[in-house]
PDB file of N, CA and C in Angstrom:
ATOM      1  N   MET A   1      29.373 -54.453-172.916  1.00  0.00           N
ATOM      2  CA  MET A   1      30.787 -54.725-173.026  1.00  0.00           C
ATOM      3  C   MET A   1      31.561 -53.605-172.349  1.00  0.00           C
ATOM      4  N   THR A   2      32.334 -53.916-171.355  1.00  0.00           N
ATOM      5  CA  THR A   2      33.177 -52.915-170.723  1.00  0.00           C
ATOM      6  C   THR A   2      34.628 -53.320-170.892  1.00  0.00           C
ATOM      7  N   THR A   3      35.486 -52.316-170.944  1.00  0.00           N
ATOM      8  CA  THR A   3      36.899 -52.600-171.117  1.00  0.00           C
ATOM      9  C   THR A   3      37.641 -52.276-169.843  1.00  0.00           C
ATOM     10  N   MET A   4      38.779 -52.920-169.680  1.00  0.00           N
ATOM     11  CA  MET A   4      39.620 -52.680-168.522  1.00  0.00           C
ATOM     12  C   MET A   4      40.653 -51.600-168.827  1.00  0.00           C
ATOM     13  N   ALA A   5      40.649 -51.062-170.025  1.00  0.00           N
ATOM     14  CA  ALA A   5      41.660 -50.089-170.427  1.00  0.00           C
ATOM     15  C   ALA A   5      41.310 -48.701-169.919  1.00  0.00           C
ATOM     16  N   HIS A   6      42.344 -47.970-169.597  1.00  0.00           N
ATOM     17  CA  HIS A   6      42.204 -46.562-169.254  1.00  0.00           C
ATOM     18  C   HIS A   6      42.667 -45.777-170.475  1.00  0.00           C
ATOM     19  N   TYR A   7      41.873 -44.806-170.904  1.00  0.00           N
ATOM     20  CA  TYR A   7      42.202 -44.027-172.087  1.00  0.00           C
ATOM     21  C   TYR A   7      43.114 -42.866-171.708  1.00  0.00           C
ATOM     22  N   SER A   8      44.192 -42.687-172.447  1.00  0.00           N
ATOM     23  CA  SER A   8      45.010 -41.491-172.273  1.00  0.00           C
ATOM     24  C   SER A   8      44.283 -40.334-172.968  1.00  0.00           C
ATOM     25  N   ARG A   9      44.652 -39.121-172.626  1.00  0.00           N
ATOM     26  CA  ARG A   9      44.035 -37.965-173.295  1.00  0.00           C
ATOM     27  C   ARG A   9      44.342 -37.998-174.788  1.00  0.00           C
ATOM     28  N   HIS A  10      45.545 -38.435-175.099  1.00  0.00           N
ATOM     29  CA  HIS A  10      45.945 -38.541-176.503  1.00  0.00           C
ATOM     30  C   HIS A  10      45.024 -39.513-177.245  1.00  0.00           C
ATOM     31  N   ALA A  11      44.743 -40.661-176.628  1.00  0.00           N
ATOM     32  CA  ALA A  11      43.870 -41.662-177.257  1.00  0.00           C
ATOM     33  C   ALA A  11      42.459 -41.116-177.443  1.00  0.00           C
ATOM     34  N   GLN A  12      41.957 -40.392-176.450  1.00  0.00           N
ATOM     35  CA  GLN A  12      40.620 -39.804-176.568  1.00  0.00           C
ATOM     36  C   GLN A  12      40.572 -38.803-177.717  1.00  0.00           C
ATOM     37  N   ALA A  13      41.611 -37.976-177.825  1.00  0.00           N
ATOM     38  CA  ALA A  13      41.659 -36.981-178.901  1.00  0.00           C
ATOM     39  C   ALA A  13      41.743 -37.662-180.261  1.00  0.00           C
ATOM     40  N   ARG A  14      42.602 -38.667-180.386  1.00  0.00           N
ATOM     41  CA  ARG A  14      42.756 -39.364-181.668  1.00  0.00           C
ATOM     42  C   ARG A  14      41.489 -40.126-182.053  1.00  0.00           C
ATOM     43  N   GLN A  15      40.821 -40.698-181.071  1.00  0.00           N
ATOM     44  CA  GLN A  15      39.572 -41.411-181.352  1.00  0.00           C
ATOM     45  C   GLN A  15      38.555 -40.452-181.955  1.00  0.00           C
ATOM     46  N   GLN A  16      38.445 -39.273-181.384  1.00  0.00           N
ATOM     47  CA  GLN A  16      37.489 -38.293-181.892  1.00  0.00           C
ATOM     48  C   GLN A  16      37.923 -37.765-183.261  1.00  0.00           C
ATOM     49  N   GLN A  17      39.193 -37.424-183.407  1.00  0.00           N
ATOM     50  CA  GLN A  17      39.694 -36.874-184.665  1.00  0.00           C
ATOM     51  C   GLN A  17      39.570 -37.861-185.818  1.00  0.00           C
ATOM     52  N   ARG A  18      39.759 -39.133-185.518  1.00  0.00           N
ATOM     53  CA  ARG A  18      39.759 -40.151-186.564  1.00  0.00           C
ATOM     54  C   ARG A  18      38.412 -40.838-186.729  1.00  0.00           C
ATOM     55  N   GLY A  19      37.431 -40.428-185.951  1.00  0.00           N
ATOM     56  CA  GLY A  19      36.076 -40.942-186.104  1.00  0.00           C
ATOM     57  C   GLY A  19      35.936 -42.422-185.820  1.00  0.00           C
ATOM     58  N   ILE A  20      36.601 -42.896-184.778  1.00  0.00           N
ATOM     59  CA  ILE A  20      36.538 -44.311-184.421  1.00  0.00           C
ATOM     60  C   ILE A  20      35.579 -44.470-183.246  1.00  0.00           C
ATOM     61  N   PRO A  21      34.452 -45.161-183.443  1.00  0.00           N
ATOM     62  CA  PRO A  21      33.475 -45.334-182.360  1.00  0.00           C
ATOM     63  C   PRO A  21      34.026 -46.167-181.202  1.00  0.00           C
ATOM     64  N   GLY A  22      33.481 -45.949-180.029  1.00  0.00           N
ATOM     65  CA  GLY A  22      33.911 -46.661-178.832  1.00  0.00           C
ATOM     66  C   GLY A  22      33.740 -48.164-178.934  1.00  0.00           C
ATOM     67  N   PHE A  23      32.661 -48.624-179.595  1.00  0.00           N
ATOM     68  CA  PHE A  23      32.441 -50.067-179.684  1.00  0.00           C
ATOM     69  C   PHE A  23      33.535 -50.748-180.502  1.00  0.00           C
ATOM     70  N   VAL A  24      34.164 -50.015-181.404  1.00  0.00           N
ATOM     71  CA  VAL A  24      35.257 -50.587-182.195  1.00  0.00           C
ATOM     72  C   VAL A  24      36.471 -50.828-181.303  1.00  0.00           C
ATOM     73  N   ILE A  25      36.778 -49.862-180.453  1.00  0.00           N
ATOM     74  CA  ILE A  25      37.912 -50.003-179.541  1.00  0.00           C
ATOM     75  C   ILE A  25      37.651 -51.124-178.543  1.00  0.00           C
ATOM     76  N   GLU A  26      36.432 -51.194-178.028  1.00  0.00           N
ATOM     77  CA  GLU A  26      36.078 -52.276-177.104  1.00  0.00           C
ATOM     78  C   GLU A  26      36.222 -53.635-177.784  1.00  0.00           C
ATOM     79  N   SER A  27      35.791 -53.721-179.042  1.00  0.00           N
ATOM     80  CA  SER A  27      35.908 -54.979-179.785  1.00  0.00           C
ATOM     81  C   SER A  27      37.366 -55.326-180.059  1.00  0.00           C
ATOM     82  N   LEU A  28      38.178 -54.315-180.367  1.00  0.00           N
ATOM     83  CA  LEU A  28      39.607 -54.552-180.569  1.00  0.00           C
ATOM     84  C   LEU A  28      40.236 -55.145-179.320  1.00  0.00           C
ATOM     85  N   ILE A  29      39.945 -54.536-178.181  1.00  0.00           N
ATOM     86  CA  ILE A  29      40.530 -54.994-176.924  1.00  0.00           C
ATOM     87  C   ILE A  29      40.028 -56.391-176.573  1.00  0.00           C
ATOM     88  N   ARG A  30      38.756 -56.637-176.821  1.00  0.00           N
ATOM     89  CA  ARG A  30      38.160 -57.924-176.440  1.00  0.00           C
ATOM     90  C   ARG A  30      38.528 -59.059-177.392  1.00  0.00           C
ATOM     91  N   PHE A  31      38.502 -58.786-178.707  1.00  0.00           N
ATOM     92  CA  PHE A  31      38.678 -59.855-179.691  1.00  0.00           C
ATOM     93  C   PHE A  31      39.962 -59.759-180.514  1.00  0.00           C
ATOM     94  N   GLY A  32      40.569 -58.585-180.576  1.00  0.00           N
ATOM     95  CA  GLY A  32      41.707 -58.360-181.466  1.00  0.00           C
ATOM     96  C   GLY A  32      42.953 -59.139-181.100  1.00  0.00           C
ATOM     97  N   LYS A  33      43.877 -59.200-182.039  1.00  0.00           N
ATOM     98  CA  LYS A  33      45.145 -59.914-181.843  1.00  0.00           C
ATOM     99  C   LYS A  33      46.235 -58.900-181.511  1.00  0.00           C
ATOM    100  N   PRO A  34      46.902 -59.070-180.366  1.00  0.00           N
ATOM    101  CA  PRO A  34      47.997 -58.154-180.028  1.00  0.00           C
ATOM    102  C   PRO A  34      49.297 -58.542-180.737  1.00  0.00           C
ATOM    103  N   ASN A  35      49.966 -57.552-181.265  1.00  0.00           N
ATOM    104  CA  ASN A  35      51.299 -57.718-181.850  1.00  0.00           C
ATOM    105  C   ASN A  35      52.229 -56.816-181.056  1.00  0.00           C
ATOM    106  N   TYR A  36      53.315 -57.351-180.557  1.00  0.00           N
ATOM    107  CA  TYR A  36      54.225 -56.568-179.734  1.00  0.00           C
ATOM    108  C   TYR A  36      55.095 -55.687-180.618  1.00  0.00           C
ATOM    109  N   ASP A  37      55.253 -54.435-180.216  1.00  0.00           N
ATOM    110  CA  ASP A  37      56.006 -53.487-181.038  1.00  0.00           C
ATOM    111  C   ASP A  37      57.483 -53.404-180.663  1.00  0.00           C
ATOM    112  N   HIS A  38      57.930 -54.249-179.746  1.00  0.00           N
ATOM    113  CA  HIS A  38      59.323 -54.313-179.298  1.00  0.00           C
ATOM    114  C   HIS A  38      59.758 -53.035-178.594  1.00  0.00           C
ATOM    115  N   ARG A  39      58.803 -52.249-178.120  1.00  0.00           N
ATOM    116  CA  ARG A  39      59.086 -51.059-177.315  1.00  0.00           C
ATOM    117  C   ARG A  39      58.273 -51.087-176.028  1.00  0.00           C
ATOM    118  N   GLY A  40      57.670 -52.235-175.744  1.00  0.00           N
ATOM    119  CA  GLY A  40      56.901 -52.386-174.519  1.00  0.00           C
ATOM    120  C   GLY A  40      55.405 -52.214-174.677  1.00  0.00           C
ATOM    121  N   ALA A  41      54.933 -51.989-175.883  1.00  0.00           N
ATOM    122  CA  ALA A  41      53.497 -51.801-176.114  1.00  0.00           C
ATOM    123  C   ALA A  41      52.975 -52.902-177.038  1.00  0.00           C
ATOM    124  N   GLU A  42      51.660 -52.990-177.129  1.00  0.00           N
ATOM    125  CA  GLU A  42      50.993 -53.936-178.021  1.00  0.00           C
ATOM    126  C   GLU A  42      50.185 -53.152-179.040  1.00  0.00           C
ATOM    127  N   VAL A  43      50.258 -53.566-180.292  1.00  0.00           N
ATOM    128  CA  VAL A  43      49.414 -53.009-181.339  1.00  0.00           C
ATOM    129  C   VAL A  43      48.341 -54.058-181.597  1.00  0.00           C
ATOM    130  N   ILE A  44      47.093 -53.703-181.331  1.00  0.00           N
ATOM    131  CA  ILE A  44      45.988 -54.658-181.443  1.00  0.00           C
ATOM    132  C   ILE A  44      45.246 -54.412-182.755  1.00  0.00           C
ATOM    133  N   THR A  45      45.069 -55.479-183.533  1.00  0.00           N
ATOM    134  CA  THR A  45      44.427 -55.372-184.844  1.00  0.00           C
ATOM    135  C   THR A  45      43.383 -56.472-185.027  1.00  0.00           C
ATOM    136  N   PHE A  46      42.686 -56.393-186.165  1.00  0.00           N
ATOM    137  CA  PHE A  46      41.719 -57.412-186.572  1.00  0.00           C
ATOM    138  C   PHE A  46      42.273 -58.172-187.780  1.00  0.00           C
ATOM    139  N   PRO A  47      43.173 -59.143-187.607  1.00  0.00           N
ATOM    140  CA  PRO A  47      43.635 -59.916-188.763  1.00  0.00           C
ATOM    141  C   PRO A  47      42.516 -60.835-189.274  1.00  0.00           C
ATOM    142  N   LYS A  48      42.741 -61.407-190.431  1.00  0.00           N
ATOM    143  CA  LYS A  48      41.704 -62.212-191.088  1.00  0.00           C
ATOM    144  C   LYS A  48      41.137 -63.340-190.224  1.00  0.00           C
ATOM    145  N   PRO A  49      41.952 -64.121-189.488  1.00  0.00           N
ATOM    146  CA  PRO A  49      41.366 -65.179-188.645  1.00  0.00           C
ATOM    147  C   PRO A  49      40.420 -64.623-187.570  1.00  0.00           C
ATOM    148  N   VAL A  50      40.749 -63.463-187.032  1.00  0.00           N
ATOM    149  CA  VAL A  50      39.879 -62.839-186.027  1.00  0.00           C
ATOM    150  C   VAL A  50      38.584 -62.371-186.681  1.00  0.00           C
ATOM    151  N   ARG A  51      38.685 -61.804-187.873  1.00  0.00           N
ATOM    152  CA  ARG A  51      37.481 -61.356-188.600  1.00  0.00           C
ATOM    153  C   ARG A  51      36.540 -62.529-188.860  1.00  0.00           C
ATOM    154  N   ASN A  52      37.113 -63.655-189.284  1.00  0.00           N
ATOM    155  CA  ASN A  52      36.295 -64.845-189.550  1.00  0.00           C
ATOM    156  C   ASN A  52      35.628 -65.344-188.279  1.00  0.00           C
ATOM    157  N   ARG A  53      36.341 -65.290-187.167  1.00  0.00           N
ATOM    158  CA  ARG A  53      35.772 -65.722-185.884  1.00  0.00           C
ATOM    159  C   ARG A  53      34.644 -64.782-185.458  1.00  0.00           C
ATOM    160  N   LEU A  54      34.849 -63.483-185.648  1.00  0.00           N
ATOM    161  CA  LEU A  54      33.821 -62.508-185.276  1.00  0.00           C
ATOM    162  C   LEU A  54      32.532 -62.735-186.057  1.00  0.00           C
ATOM    163  N   LYS A  55      32.675 -63.177-187.288  1.00  0.00           N
ATOM    164  CA  LYS A  55      31.501 -63.430-188.123  1.00  0.00           C
ATOM    165  C   LYS A  55      30.597 -64.483-187.497  1.00  0.00           C
ATOM    166  N   THR A  56      31.194 -65.447-186.795  1.00  0.00           N
ATOM    167  CA  THR A  56      30.405 -66.504-186.168  1.00  0.00           C
ATOM    168  C   THR A  56      29.975 -66.148-184.747  1.00  0.00           C
ATOM    169  N   VAL A  57      30.735 -65.279-184.072  1.00  0.00           N
ATOM    170  CA  VAL A  57      30.475 -64.957-182.664  1.00  0.00           C
ATOM    171  C   VAL A  57      29.466 -63.820-182.498  1.00  0.00           C
ATOM    172  N   LEU A  58      29.596 -62.787-183.306  1.00  0.00           N
ATOM    173  CA  LEU A  58      28.746 -61.601-183.149  1.00  0.00           C
ATOM    174  C   LEU A  58      27.436 -61.740-183.915  1.00  0.00           C
ATOM    175  N   PRO A  59      26.386 -61.081-183.430  1.00  0.00           N
ATOM    176  CA  PRO A  59      25.155 -61.000-184.221  1.00  0.00           C
ATOM    177  C   PRO A  59      25.439 -60.263-185.534  1.00  0.00           C
ATOM    178  N   LYS A  60      24.683 -60.579-186.562  1.00  0.00           N
ATOM    179  CA  LYS A  60      24.947 -60.034-187.898  1.00  0.00           C
ATOM    180  C   LYS A  60      24.981 -58.507-187.909  1.00  0.00           C
ATOM    181  N   GLN A  61      24.057 -57.867-187.213  1.00  0.00           N
ATOM    182  CA  GLN A  61      23.998 -56.402-187.215  1.00  0.00           C
ATOM    183  C   GLN A  61      25.271 -55.792-186.611  1.00  0.00           C
ATOM    184  N   GLN A  62      25.764 -56.362-185.520  1.00  0.00           N
ATOM    185  CA  GLN A  62      26.999 -55.859-184.906  1.00  0.00           C
ATOM    186  C   GLN A  62      28.194 -56.092-185.819  1.00  0.00           C
ATOM    187  N   TYR A  63      28.227 -57.248-186.463  1.00  0.00           N
ATOM    188  CA  TYR A  63      29.333 -57.550-187.372  1.00  0.00           C
ATOM    189  C   TYR A  63      29.358 -56.558-188.531  1.00  0.00           C
ATOM    190  N   VAL A  64      28.204 -56.251-189.087  1.00  0.00           N
ATOM    191  CA  VAL A  64      28.125 -55.317-190.212  1.00  0.00           C
ATOM    192  C   VAL A  64      28.609 -53.929-189.788  1.00  0.00           C
ATOM    193  N   GLN A  65      28.238 -53.494-188.583  1.00  0.00           N
ATOM    194  CA  GLN A  65      28.704 -52.198-188.083  1.00  0.00           C
ATOM    195  C   GLN A  65      30.219 -52.194-187.900  1.00  0.00           C
ATOM    196  N   LEU A  66      30.753 -53.291-187.431  1.00  0.00           N
ATOM    197  CA  LEU A  66      32.183 -53.392-187.147  1.00  0.00           C
ATOM    198  C   LEU A  66      33.011 -53.567-188.419  1.00  0.00           C
ATOM    199  N   GLU A  67      32.416 -54.156-189.436  1.00  0.00           N
ATOM    200  CA  GLU A  67      33.130 -54.512-190.661  1.00  0.00           C
ATOM    201  C   GLU A  67      33.820 -53.320-191.328  1.00  0.00           C
ATOM    202  N   SER A  68      33.203 -52.171-191.300  1.00  0.00           N
ATOM    203  CA  SER A  68      33.804 -50.998-191.941  1.00  0.00           C
ATOM    204  C   SER A  68      34.968 -50.422-191.142  1.00  0.00           C
ATOM    205  N   HIS A  69      35.216 -50.965-189.952  1.00  0.00           N
ATOM    206  CA  HIS A  69      36.306 -50.473-189.098  1.00  0.00           C
ATOM    207  C   HIS A  69      37.392 -51.532-188.889  1.00  0.00           C
ATOM    208  N   PHE A  70      37.444 -52.535-189.760  1.00  0.00           N
ATOM    209  CA  PHE A  70      38.448 -53.586-189.606  1.00  0.00           C
ATOM    210  C   PHE A  70      39.871 -53.083-189.832  1.00  0.00           C
ATOM    211  N   ASP A  71      40.033 -51.897-190.391  1.00  0.00           N
ATOM    212  CA  ASP A  71      41.374 -51.353-190.601  1.00  0.00           C
ATOM    213  C   ASP A  71      41.883 -50.575-189.387  1.00  0.00           C
ATOM    214  N   CYS A  72      41.116 -50.538-188.315  1.00  0.00           N
ATOM    215  CA  CYS A  72      41.521 -49.795-187.114  1.00  0.00           C
ATOM    216  C   CYS A  72      42.512 -50.593-186.279  1.00  0.00           C
ATOM    217  N   TYR A  73      43.297 -49.860-185.504  1.00  0.00           N
ATOM    218  CA  TYR A  73      44.217 -50.488-184.560  1.00  0.00           C
ATOM    219  C   TYR A  73      44.225 -49.686-183.269  1.00  0.00           C
ATOM    220  N   ALA A  74      44.680 -50.317-182.209  1.00  0.00           N
ATOM    221  CA  ALA A  74      44.826 -49.656-180.909  1.00  0.00           C
ATOM    222  C   ALA A  74      46.201 -50.007-180.363  1.00  0.00           C
ATOM    223  N   VAL A  75      46.841 -49.041-179.721  1.00  0.00           N
ATOM    224  CA  VAL A  75      48.136 -49.273-179.091  1.00  0.00           C
ATOM    225  C   VAL A  75      47.928 -49.195-177.589  1.00  0.00           C
ATOM    226  N   MET A  76      48.297 -50.279-176.889  1.00  0.00           N
ATOM    227  CA  MET A  76      48.125 -50.350-175.437  1.00  0.00           C
ATOM    228  C   MET A  76      49.451 -50.661-174.762  1.00  0.00           C
ATOM    229  N   ARG A  77      49.574 -50.122-173.557  1.00  0.00           N
ATOM    230  CA  ARG A  77      50.750 -50.418-172.734  1.00  0.00           C
ATOM    231  C   ARG A  77      50.334 -50.360-171.278  1.00  0.00           C
ATOM    232  N   ASP A  78      50.590 -51.428-170.541  1.00  0.00           N
ATOM    233  CA  ASP A  78      50.292 -51.502-169.110  1.00  0.00           C
ATOM    234  C   ASP A  78      48.838 -51.154-168.793  1.00  0.00           C
ATOM    235  N   GLY A  79      47.900 -51.616-169.629  1.00  0.00           N
ATOM    236  CA  GLY A  79      46.485 -51.376-169.385  1.00  0.00           C
ATOM    237  C   GLY A  79      45.994 -50.004-169.807  1.00  0.00           C
ATOM    238  N   TYR A  80      46.867 -49.192-170.400  1.00  0.00           N
ATOM    239  CA  TYR A  80      46.480 -47.865-170.870  1.00  0.00           C
ATOM    240  C   TYR A  80      46.402 -47.865-172.387  1.00  0.00           C
ATOM    241  N   LEU A  81      45.330 -47.294-172.898  1.00  0.00           N
ATOM    242  CA  LEU A  81      45.183 -47.127-174.331  1.00  0.00           C
ATOM    243  C   LEU A  81      45.954 -45.872-174.711  1.00  0.00           C
ATOM    244  N   ILE A  82      47.003 -46.033-175.487  1.00  0.00           N
ATOM    245  CA  ILE A  82      47.877 -44.915-175.823  1.00  0.00           C
ATOM    246  C   ILE A  82      47.356 -44.144-177.025  1.00  0.00           C
ATOM    247  N   THR A  83      46.983 -44.854-178.081  1.00  0.00           N
ATOM    248  CA  THR A  83      46.461 -44.195-179.269  1.00  0.00           C
ATOM    249  C   THR A  83      45.643 -45.184-180.092  1.00  0.00           C
ATOM    250  N   VAL A  84      44.878 -44.658-181.020  1.00  0.00           N
ATOM    251  CA  VAL A  84      44.091 -45.460-181.956  1.00  0.00           C
ATOM    252  C   VAL A  84      44.225 -44.838-183.337  1.00  0.00           C
ATOM    253  N   GLY A  85      44.003 -45.642-184.363  1.00  0.00           N
ATOM    254  CA  GLY A  85      44.103 -45.110-185.711  1.00  0.00           C
ATOM    255  C   GLY A  85      43.616 -46.104-186.742  1.00  0.00           C
ATOM    256  N   HIS A  86      43.794 -45.715-188.009  1.00  0.00           N
ATOM    257  CA  HIS A  86      43.451 -46.562-189.149  1.00  0.00           C
ATOM    258  C   HIS A  86      44.752 -47.021-189.791  1.00  0.00           C
ATOM    259  N   ARG A  87      44.859 -48.315-190.051  1.00  0.00           N
ATOM    260  CA  ARG A  87      46.068 -48.834-190.685  1.00  0.00           C
ATOM    261  C   ARG A  87      46.113 -48.409-192.143  1.00  0.00           C
ATOM    262  N   THR A  88      47.276 -47.938-192.563  1.00  0.00           N
ATOM    263  CA  THR A  88      47.499 -47.649-193.977  1.00  0.00           C
ATOM    264  C   THR A  88      48.604 -48.532-194.530  1.00  0.00           C
ATOM    265  N   LYS A  89      49.361 -49.167-193.624  1.00  0.00           N
ATOM    266  CA  LYS A  89      50.437 -50.073-194.010  1.00  0.00           C
ATOM    267  C   LYS A  89      50.300 -51.365-193.220  1.00  0.00           C
ATOM    268  N   ARG A  90      50.977 -52.380-193.690  1.00  0.00           N
ATOM    269  CA  ARG A  90      51.003 -53.666-193.003  1.00  0.00           C
ATOM    270  C   ARG A  90      51.731 -53.511-191.670  1.00  0.00           C
ATOM    271  N   ILE A  91      51.202 -54.140-190.625  1.00  0.00           N
ATOM    272  CA  ILE A  91      51.864 -54.134-189.327  1.00  0.00           C
ATOM    273  C   ILE A  91      52.682 -55.406-189.230  1.00  0.00           C
ATOM    274  N   LYS A  92      53.984 -55.258-189.074  1.00  0.00           N
ATOM    275  CA  LYS A  92      54.891 -56.405-189.034  1.00  0.00           C
ATOM    276  C   LYS A  92      54.999 -56.938-187.624  1.00  0.00           C
ATOM    277  N   ASP A  93      55.182 -58.252-187.508  1.00  0.00           N
ATOM    278  CA  ASP A  93      55.369 -58.889-186.195  1.00  0.00           C
ATOM    279  C   ASP A  93      56.747 -58.617-185.657  1.00  0.00           C
TER     280      ASP A  93
END
């Protein structure tokens, strides 16, 4: 799985600081649902319908690895990954 996103230095630092594996970010970009933040960027998450779809699409071992990271999000703008993190609050549309 390769992504078309370019990582900003900030995103690389946050990924390492927050312990988010690369396969989680790739899965977010590939399967996640983008929500527009009304500032020109997209916040990509794993809402429940996407999680249910992943359960049928991914092999069980990959799904189990990904399951503990369903609270992660990625912020992208113009093909650049700006930051990544763990959701602590609901993301509004």
